[in-house]
Protein backbone atom coordinates (compact mmCIF):
# COMPACT_ATOMS: atom_id res chain seq x y z
CA MET A 1 231.99 261.67 16.47
CA ILE A 2 232.40 262.83 12.89
CA CYS A 3 235.37 264.67 11.45
CA ILE A 4 234.81 267.20 8.67
CA ALA A 5 237.73 268.85 6.90
CA ASP A 6 238.01 271.54 4.25
CA SER A 7 241.48 271.68 2.78
CA GLY A 8 242.90 274.21 0.35
CA SER A 9 246.47 274.50 -0.87
CA THR A 10 247.39 276.79 2.03
CA LYS A 11 245.56 275.42 5.08
CA THR A 12 243.01 272.87 6.30
CA ASP A 13 240.08 273.58 8.62
CA TRP A 14 239.07 270.58 10.75
CA VAL A 15 235.87 270.28 12.80
CA LEU A 16 235.19 267.34 15.10
CA VAL A 17 231.48 267.13 15.94
CA ASP A 18 229.88 265.07 18.67
CA GLU A 19 226.61 264.00 17.05
CA LYS A 20 224.97 263.39 20.43
CA ASN A 21 225.41 266.81 22.02
CA GLY A 22 226.58 268.95 19.10
CA GLU A 23 229.85 269.94 20.77
CA GLU A 24 232.57 270.96 18.31
CA ASN A 25 236.34 270.96 18.38
CA ARG A 26 237.91 273.19 15.71
CA LEU A 27 241.49 272.82 14.51
CA VAL A 28 243.71 274.15 11.72
CA SER A 29 246.65 272.57 9.89
CA MET A 30 248.64 273.11 6.73
CA GLY A 31 246.96 272.52 3.36
CA LEU A 32 246.87 268.89 2.19
CA ASN A 33 246.63 269.11 -1.58
CA PRO A 34 247.69 265.68 -2.93
CA PHE A 35 249.20 267.42 -5.96
CA TYR A 36 251.92 268.71 -3.63
CA VAL A 37 251.74 266.69 -0.39
CA HIS A 38 252.55 262.96 -0.24
CA GLN A 39 250.69 260.31 1.73
CA LYS A 40 253.12 260.06 4.65
CA LYS A 41 252.98 263.83 5.18
CA ILE A 42 249.18 263.74 5.27
CA GLU A 43 249.32 261.01 7.91
CA ASP A 44 251.81 262.99 10.00
CA VAL A 45 249.76 266.19 9.77
CA PHE A 46 246.57 264.39 10.82
CA ARG A 47 248.25 262.78 13.84
CA SER A 48 249.87 266.05 14.92
CA THR A 49 246.64 268.03 14.49
CA ILE A 50 243.90 265.79 15.94
CA PRO A 51 244.28 265.15 19.71
CA ILE A 52 245.25 261.53 20.28
CA GLU A 53 242.48 261.00 22.82
CA ILE A 54 239.89 261.97 20.16
CA ILE A 55 241.21 259.97 17.20
CA ASP A 56 239.77 256.67 18.45
CA GLN A 57 236.33 258.26 18.88
CA ILE A 58 236.00 259.24 15.21
CA SER A 59 233.33 257.20 13.44
CA ALA A 60 233.42 258.96 10.05
CA ILE A 61 235.67 261.40 8.18
CA HIS A 62 234.42 263.71 5.43
CA PHE A 63 237.42 265.33 3.75
CA TYR A 64 236.98 268.03 1.10
CA GLY A 65 240.24 268.93 -0.59
CA ALA A 66 241.83 270.98 -3.33
CA GLY A 67 243.50 268.54 -5.71
CA CYS A 68 241.09 265.70 -4.83
CA SER A 69 239.88 265.54 -8.40
CA SER A 70 240.75 261.99 -9.47
CA ASP A 71 240.42 258.49 -8.05
CA LYS A 72 244.18 258.18 -7.80
CA ARG A 73 244.70 261.35 -5.77
CA ASN A 74 241.62 260.68 -3.64
CA GLN A 75 243.01 257.26 -2.78
CA ILE A 76 246.24 258.84 -1.56
CA VAL A 77 244.30 261.00 0.89
CA LYS A 78 241.96 258.20 1.90
CA ASP A 79 244.78 255.74 2.60
CA ALA A 80 246.57 258.37 4.67
CA LEU A 81 243.51 259.16 6.79
CA VAL A 82 242.59 255.50 7.27
CA ASN A 83 246.14 254.71 8.38
CA ALA A 84 246.33 257.69 10.70
CA SER A 85 242.91 257.29 12.29
CA SER A 86 242.04 253.58 12.07
CA CYS A 87 238.61 254.76 10.89
CA ALA A 88 237.36 252.80 7.89
CA ASN A 89 234.45 255.17 7.14
CA VAL A 90 236.44 257.79 5.21
CA HIS A 91 235.00 259.86 2.35
CA ILE A 92 237.10 262.05 0.09
CA TYR A 93 235.49 264.79 -2.00
CA HIS A 94 236.76 267.53 -4.26
CA ASP A 95 236.72 270.93 -2.55
CA LEU A 96 234.45 272.08 -5.36
CA LEU A 97 231.69 269.76 -4.15
CA GLY A 98 232.36 271.15 -0.69
CA ALA A 99 231.87 274.68 -1.98
CA ALA A 100 228.63 273.67 -3.71
CA ARG A 101 227.26 271.90 -0.64
CA ALA A 102 228.31 274.74 1.65
CA ALA A 103 226.89 277.51 -0.50
CA CYS A 104 223.80 275.84 -1.91
CA GLN A 105 223.07 273.19 0.73
CA PHE A 106 220.20 271.34 -1.00
CA THR A 107 219.23 273.98 -3.58
CA LYS A 108 220.47 274.73 -7.10
CA GLY A 109 223.10 277.36 -7.86
CA VAL A 110 226.53 278.17 -9.28
CA ALA A 111 229.34 277.81 -6.76
CA SER A 112 232.79 279.36 -7.15
CA ILE A 113 235.95 279.17 -5.07
CA LEU A 114 238.36 282.09 -5.24
CA GLY A 115 241.25 281.55 -2.86
CA THR A 116 244.85 280.64 -3.60
CA GLY A 117 243.43 278.94 -6.69
CA SER A 118 239.99 279.01 -8.32
CA ASN A 119 237.25 276.73 -9.55
CA SER A 120 233.50 276.72 -10.22
CA CYS A 121 230.57 274.41 -10.89
CA LEU A 122 226.87 274.17 -11.67
CA TYR A 123 225.01 272.37 -8.84
CA ASP A 124 221.43 271.05 -8.78
CA GLY A 125 221.11 270.66 -5.01
CA ARG A 126 222.48 267.12 -4.95
CA LYS A 127 225.24 266.78 -7.47
CA ILE A 128 227.53 268.79 -9.73
CA LEU A 129 226.00 269.04 -13.20
CA ASP A 130 228.84 270.84 -14.95
CA ASN A 131 232.35 272.07 -14.26
CA VAL A 132 234.43 274.14 -16.66
CA ASP A 133 237.92 272.64 -16.62
CA ASN A 134 240.29 274.05 -14.02
CA LEU A 135 243.81 274.20 -15.50
CA GLY A 136 245.59 274.96 -12.24
CA PHE A 137 248.22 277.50 -11.25
CA VAL A 138 250.32 277.52 -14.43
CA LEU A 139 247.58 277.57 -17.08
CA GLY A 140 244.46 278.68 -15.22
CA ASP A 141 243.22 279.69 -11.76
CA GLU A 142 241.59 282.82 -13.18
CA GLY A 143 240.36 285.26 -10.53
CA SER A 144 242.40 283.64 -7.76
CA GLY A 145 245.03 284.96 -5.38
CA GLY A 146 247.58 283.23 -7.58
CA HIS A 147 246.26 285.05 -10.65
CA ILE A 148 246.32 288.40 -8.86
CA GLY A 149 249.82 287.72 -7.56
CA LYS A 150 251.10 286.85 -11.04
CA GLU A 151 249.68 290.06 -12.48
CA LEU A 152 251.26 292.14 -9.72
CA ILE A 153 254.67 290.52 -10.16
CA ARG A 154 254.52 290.90 -13.93
CA ALA A 155 253.56 294.56 -13.59
CA ARG A 156 256.38 295.15 -11.10
CA CYS A 157 259.02 293.52 -13.30
CA TYR A 158 257.75 295.10 -16.53
CA ARG A 159 257.52 298.56 -14.86
CA ASP A 160 253.81 298.74 -15.57
CA MET A 161 252.65 299.84 -12.11
CA PRO A 162 252.70 303.18 -10.25
CA GLU A 163 255.95 303.94 -8.46
CA GLU A 164 254.19 304.09 -5.09
CA ILE A 165 253.06 300.47 -5.37
CA SER A 166 256.37 299.32 -6.83
CA ASN A 167 258.28 300.90 -3.95
CA HIS A 168 255.92 299.30 -1.45
CA ILE A 169 256.54 295.84 -2.95
CA ASP A 170 260.30 296.40 -2.85
CA SER A 171 260.37 297.55 0.77
CA VAL A 172 257.70 295.39 2.41
CA TYR A 173 258.17 292.20 0.40
CA LEU A 174 261.93 292.66 -0.07
CA PHE A 175 261.25 292.02 -3.73
CA ASP A 176 264.05 290.38 -5.70
CA LYS A 177 263.41 288.99 -9.18
CA ASP A 178 265.83 286.08 -8.83
CA ASP A 179 264.32 285.11 -5.49
CA VAL A 180 260.84 285.19 -7.01
CA LEU A 181 261.91 282.98 -9.90
CA ASP A 182 263.50 280.50 -7.47
CA HIS A 183 260.21 280.27 -5.58
CA VAL A 184 258.19 279.83 -8.78
CA TYR A 185 260.37 277.23 -10.47
CA GLN A 186 261.90 275.37 -7.53
CA ASP A 187 259.48 275.51 -4.59
CA ALA A 188 256.99 272.73 -3.95
CA LEU A 189 254.17 275.28 -3.46
CA PRO A 190 254.77 278.14 -5.93
CA ASN A 191 251.04 278.99 -6.03
CA THR A 192 251.00 279.79 -2.31
CA PHE A 193 254.05 282.05 -2.64
CA ILE A 194 252.63 283.95 -5.61
CA ALA A 195 249.24 284.34 -3.94
CA SER A 196 250.95 285.94 -0.93
CA PHE A 197 251.29 289.12 -3.01
CA ALA A 198 247.50 289.50 -3.37
CA PRO A 199 247.04 291.54 -0.13
CA ILE A 200 248.79 294.42 -1.90
CA CYS A 201 245.49 294.95 -3.71
CA SER A 202 243.77 295.59 -0.39
CA GLU A 203 246.34 298.18 0.64
CA PHE A 204 246.11 300.09 -2.66
CA ARG A 205 242.52 299.19 -3.43
CA LYS A 206 241.39 302.73 -4.27
CA THR A 207 244.04 303.33 -6.92
CA GLU A 208 243.04 303.17 -10.57
CA PHE A 209 245.79 300.64 -11.28
CA ILE A 210 244.52 298.13 -8.70
CA GLN A 211 240.87 298.66 -9.61
CA ASN A 212 241.69 297.90 -13.25
CA LEU A 213 243.75 294.85 -12.30
CA LEU A 214 240.96 293.43 -10.14
CA HIS A 215 238.35 294.14 -12.78
CA ASP A 216 240.44 292.33 -15.39
CA VAL A 217 241.12 289.19 -13.34
CA PHE A 218 237.50 288.82 -12.16
CA SER A 219 236.18 289.52 -15.65
CA GLU A 220 238.41 286.79 -17.02
CA PHE A 221 237.05 284.35 -14.43
CA VAL A 222 233.45 285.23 -15.27
CA GLN A 223 234.01 285.02 -19.02
CA LYS A 224 236.01 281.80 -19.03
CA HIS A 225 233.92 280.00 -16.43
CA LEU A 226 230.60 281.39 -15.20
CA LEU A 227 229.16 282.47 -18.55
CA LYS A 228 229.64 278.93 -19.86
CA TYR A 229 226.96 277.58 -17.51
CA ASN A 230 224.21 279.64 -19.17
CA HIS A 231 222.20 280.08 -15.97
CA PRO A 232 222.37 283.82 -15.24
CA ASP A 233 219.24 283.65 -13.06
CA TRP A 234 220.65 280.99 -10.71
CA PRO A 235 222.41 282.45 -7.64
CA HIS A 236 226.17 282.72 -8.11
CA HIS A 237 227.80 281.96 -4.77
CA PHE A 238 231.42 282.74 -3.93
CA LEU A 239 233.61 281.16 -1.28
CA GLY A 240 237.22 281.74 -0.26
CA SER A 241 239.45 284.53 0.96
CA ILE A 242 239.63 286.40 -2.36
CA SER A 243 235.86 286.19 -2.79
CA CYS A 244 235.22 287.92 0.52
CA GLU A 245 238.07 290.43 0.39
CA PHE A 246 237.00 291.72 -3.01
CA GLU A 247 233.25 291.12 -2.86
CA THR A 248 232.47 294.66 -4.06
CA GLU A 249 234.61 294.29 -7.19
CA ILE A 250 233.20 290.84 -7.95
CA ARG A 251 229.62 292.05 -7.59
CA GLN A 252 230.39 294.84 -10.06
CA VAL A 253 231.62 292.35 -12.66
CA LEU A 254 228.60 290.08 -12.07
CA ALA A 255 226.30 293.04 -12.67
CA GLU A 256 228.09 293.88 -15.92
CA HIS A 257 227.27 290.36 -17.16
CA ASN A 258 223.72 290.26 -15.71
CA LEU A 259 224.54 287.39 -13.36
CA THR A 260 222.60 286.95 -10.12
CA PRO A 261 224.82 287.25 -7.02
CA GLY A 262 224.44 284.78 -4.15
CA ILE A 263 226.24 284.48 -0.84
CA PHE A 264 229.86 285.41 -0.20
CA GLU A 265 231.51 283.27 2.49
CA ARG A 266 235.18 283.09 3.47
CA LYS A 267 235.18 279.57 4.92
CA PRO A 268 232.83 276.79 3.80
CA ILE A 269 233.55 274.65 6.86
CA ASN A 270 230.67 275.99 9.00
CA ALA A 271 228.10 275.32 6.29
CA LEU A 272 229.62 271.88 5.62
CA VAL A 273 229.09 270.92 9.25
CA LYS A 274 225.46 271.99 8.90
CA PHE A 275 225.12 270.01 5.65
CA HIS A 276 226.35 266.75 7.16
CA LEU A 277 224.25 267.09 10.29
CA LEU A 278 221.16 267.70 8.14
CA GLU A 279 222.04 265.22 5.39
CA ASN A 280 220.13 262.32 6.86
CA GLU A 281 217.08 264.47 7.58
CA VAL A 282 216.49 265.64 3.98
């Protein structure tokens, strides 16, 4: 049995696949980004998520994770999963490679993740050829839920948004500036909190203010990342919750820059299962 996991900052999708009969067991846990979650916590989450009677049957683990971008952080996750599972065949990959494999499978393309955070890469069907630096929640994450949330909060505090939307934020989100600042500067996961404001854009999607905001954040992502790859004719695939929720707005920005759209998929986990089952056949 193989275990495949796709972990963002907010949650982790797990799929346990019986290679003999194709039966799947799907589970969900909290996000396991090693930037924010320590090794012992990862071990505890794995043990509390995967049924104990299945753990001993796992022959390989393929873990794709946000924050798994260096040998040091990858080792934290690997050690945790080895300790928790007693499986020595553990592979840790950046979630960006997961996005590329899920979207492109074994073909070339540009893969982007727009969820709580954001990232992108140029992929040749086997490996990542190029990746514009991702500067994270504080300095980057253009086009992400975190970016959208920051713009909404700034507009609310600076009185730059329509009263209807401002009142909605105050009543539904019980908005309080000091509480927001506490979350941003004291919480372990400020990006998740800020991104939780992004659904406001769905509720007020047809307003000029929200349309302009979405256009600006997606344009910034395209300009700072996708245009740098210089492959407008390659399919530009998008994965993640923000990608799917605002597919129409993203497609509009792609068209403005003459970029070829690809697939839009909320969760890469299904395609990752397919990739690993086919991997040995290609």
